[in-house]
């Protein structure tokens, strides 16, 4: 996943950690969600992509969207070859 061209990794520095603490305290976010939000805000992401949590309390700080599927998802049940995401080598470099 970290080799996909649309994924950028960033370090969790002190500034981001302190801001995440503020977001958790002030907006009721879970710790991991507050790190996700703080990272997106401080690194000037265009949008915060949120699969499973409600980030409405910070939507005034950054646009929040449900991620769009890159391709049609396959079912988890059935053949062994079924998978739910593309492999990194399937993306052009």
Protein backbone atom coordinates (compact mmCIF):
# COMPACT_ATOMS: atom_id res chain seq x y z
CA UNK A 1 0.00 0.00 0.00
CA UNK A 2 2.79 2.46 0.80
CA UNK A 3 4.19 2.05 -2.73
CA UNK A 4 0.99 3.33 -4.34
CA UNK A 5 1.71 6.67 -6.03
CA UNK A 6 -1.26 8.39 -4.38
CA UNK A 7 -0.15 7.50 -0.81
CA UNK A 8 2.24 9.88 0.89
CA UNK A 9 3.74 8.96 4.25
CA UNK A 10 4.59 11.68 6.73
CA UNK A 11 6.31 11.61 10.09
CA UNK A 12 4.37 12.26 13.23
CA UNK A 13 6.28 15.20 14.67
CA UNK A 14 5.71 17.04 17.94
CA UNK A 15 3.69 19.83 16.31
CA UNK A 16 1.28 17.32 14.75
CA UNK A 17 1.01 15.33 17.98
CA UNK A 18 0.18 18.44 20.01
CA UNK A 19 -2.39 19.57 17.47
CA UNK A 20 -3.90 16.06 17.46
CA UNK A 21 -4.24 16.31 21.23
CA UNK A 22 -6.08 19.62 20.84
CA UNK A 23 -8.42 18.14 18.21
CA UNK A 24 -9.18 15.13 20.40
CA UNK A 25 -9.91 17.32 23.40
CA UNK A 26 -11.82 20.09 21.64
CA UNK A 27 -13.74 18.04 19.06
CA UNK A 28 -14.17 14.64 20.74
CA UNK A 29 -12.07 12.68 18.25
CA UNK A 30 -10.51 9.32 19.10
CA UNK A 31 -6.70 9.47 19.38
CA UNK A 32 -5.95 7.79 16.04
CA UNK A 33 -8.60 9.89 14.30
CA UNK A 34 -7.16 13.08 15.78
CA UNK A 35 -3.70 12.16 14.42
CA UNK A 36 -5.27 11.48 11.01
CA UNK A 37 -7.05 14.85 11.08
CA UNK A 38 -4.11 16.84 12.44
CA UNK A 39 -1.81 15.37 9.80
CA UNK A 40 -4.22 16.21 6.99
CA UNK A 41 -4.75 19.76 8.25
CA UNK A 42 -1.12 20.63 8.99
CA UNK A 43 0.19 19.07 5.77
CA UNK A 44 -2.41 21.01 3.74
CA UNK A 45 -4.27 18.04 2.34
CA UNK A 46 -7.09 19.03 0.00
CA UNK A 47 -9.53 16.79 1.82
CA UNK A 48 -9.67 14.38 4.76
CA UNK A 49 -10.78 10.96 3.58
CA UNK A 50 -12.75 9.16 6.27
CA UNK A 51 -14.01 5.60 5.84
CA UNK A 52 -15.54 4.81 9.18
CA UNK A 53 -15.74 7.80 11.51
CA UNK A 54 -17.77 10.96 11.76
CA UNK A 55 -15.51 13.98 11.32
CA UNK A 56 -18.34 16.53 11.14
CA UNK A 57 -16.97 18.33 14.19
CA UNK A 58 -13.87 19.38 12.22
CA UNK A 59 -15.42 19.89 8.79
CA UNK A 60 -14.96 23.65 9.27
CA UNK A 61 -11.18 23.04 9.41
CA UNK A 62 -10.85 20.73 6.38
CA UNK A 63 -13.29 19.26 3.84
CA UNK A 64 -14.25 15.69 4.79
CA UNK A 65 -15.25 13.09 2.19
CA UNK A 66 -15.93 9.39 1.93
CA UNK A 67 -13.19 7.88 -0.28
CA UNK A 68 -14.14 6.89 -3.80
CA UNK A 69 -13.40 3.36 -4.96
CA UNK A 70 -10.64 3.12 -7.54
CA UNK A 71 -12.14 0.02 -9.05
CA UNK A 72 -15.13 -2.20 -8.46
CA UNK A 73 -14.63 -4.04 -5.18
CA UNK A 74 -14.59 -7.83 -5.25
CA UNK A 75 -16.43 -9.91 -2.69
CA UNK A 76 -14.37 -11.35 0.15
CA UNK A 77 -16.09 -14.69 -0.14
CA UNK A 78 -15.58 -17.12 -2.97
CA UNK A 79 -12.33 -17.86 -4.74
CA UNK A 80 -8.88 -17.51 -3.21
CA UNK A 81 -7.99 -14.93 -5.83
CA UNK A 82 -10.69 -12.53 -4.63
CA UNK A 83 -9.22 -9.43 -3.04
CA UNK A 84 -10.54 -6.06 -2.07
CA UNK A 85 -7.85 -3.69 -3.33
CA UNK A 86 -5.44 -3.39 -6.24
CA UNK A 87 -1.84 -4.41 -5.76
CA UNK A 88 0.88 -1.75 -5.95
CA UNK A 89 2.32 -3.24 -9.14
CA UNK A 90 -1.03 -2.75 -10.84
CA UNK A 91 -0.52 1.02 -10.81
CA UNK A 92 1.57 2.62 -13.52
CA UNK A 93 4.65 4.40 -12.30
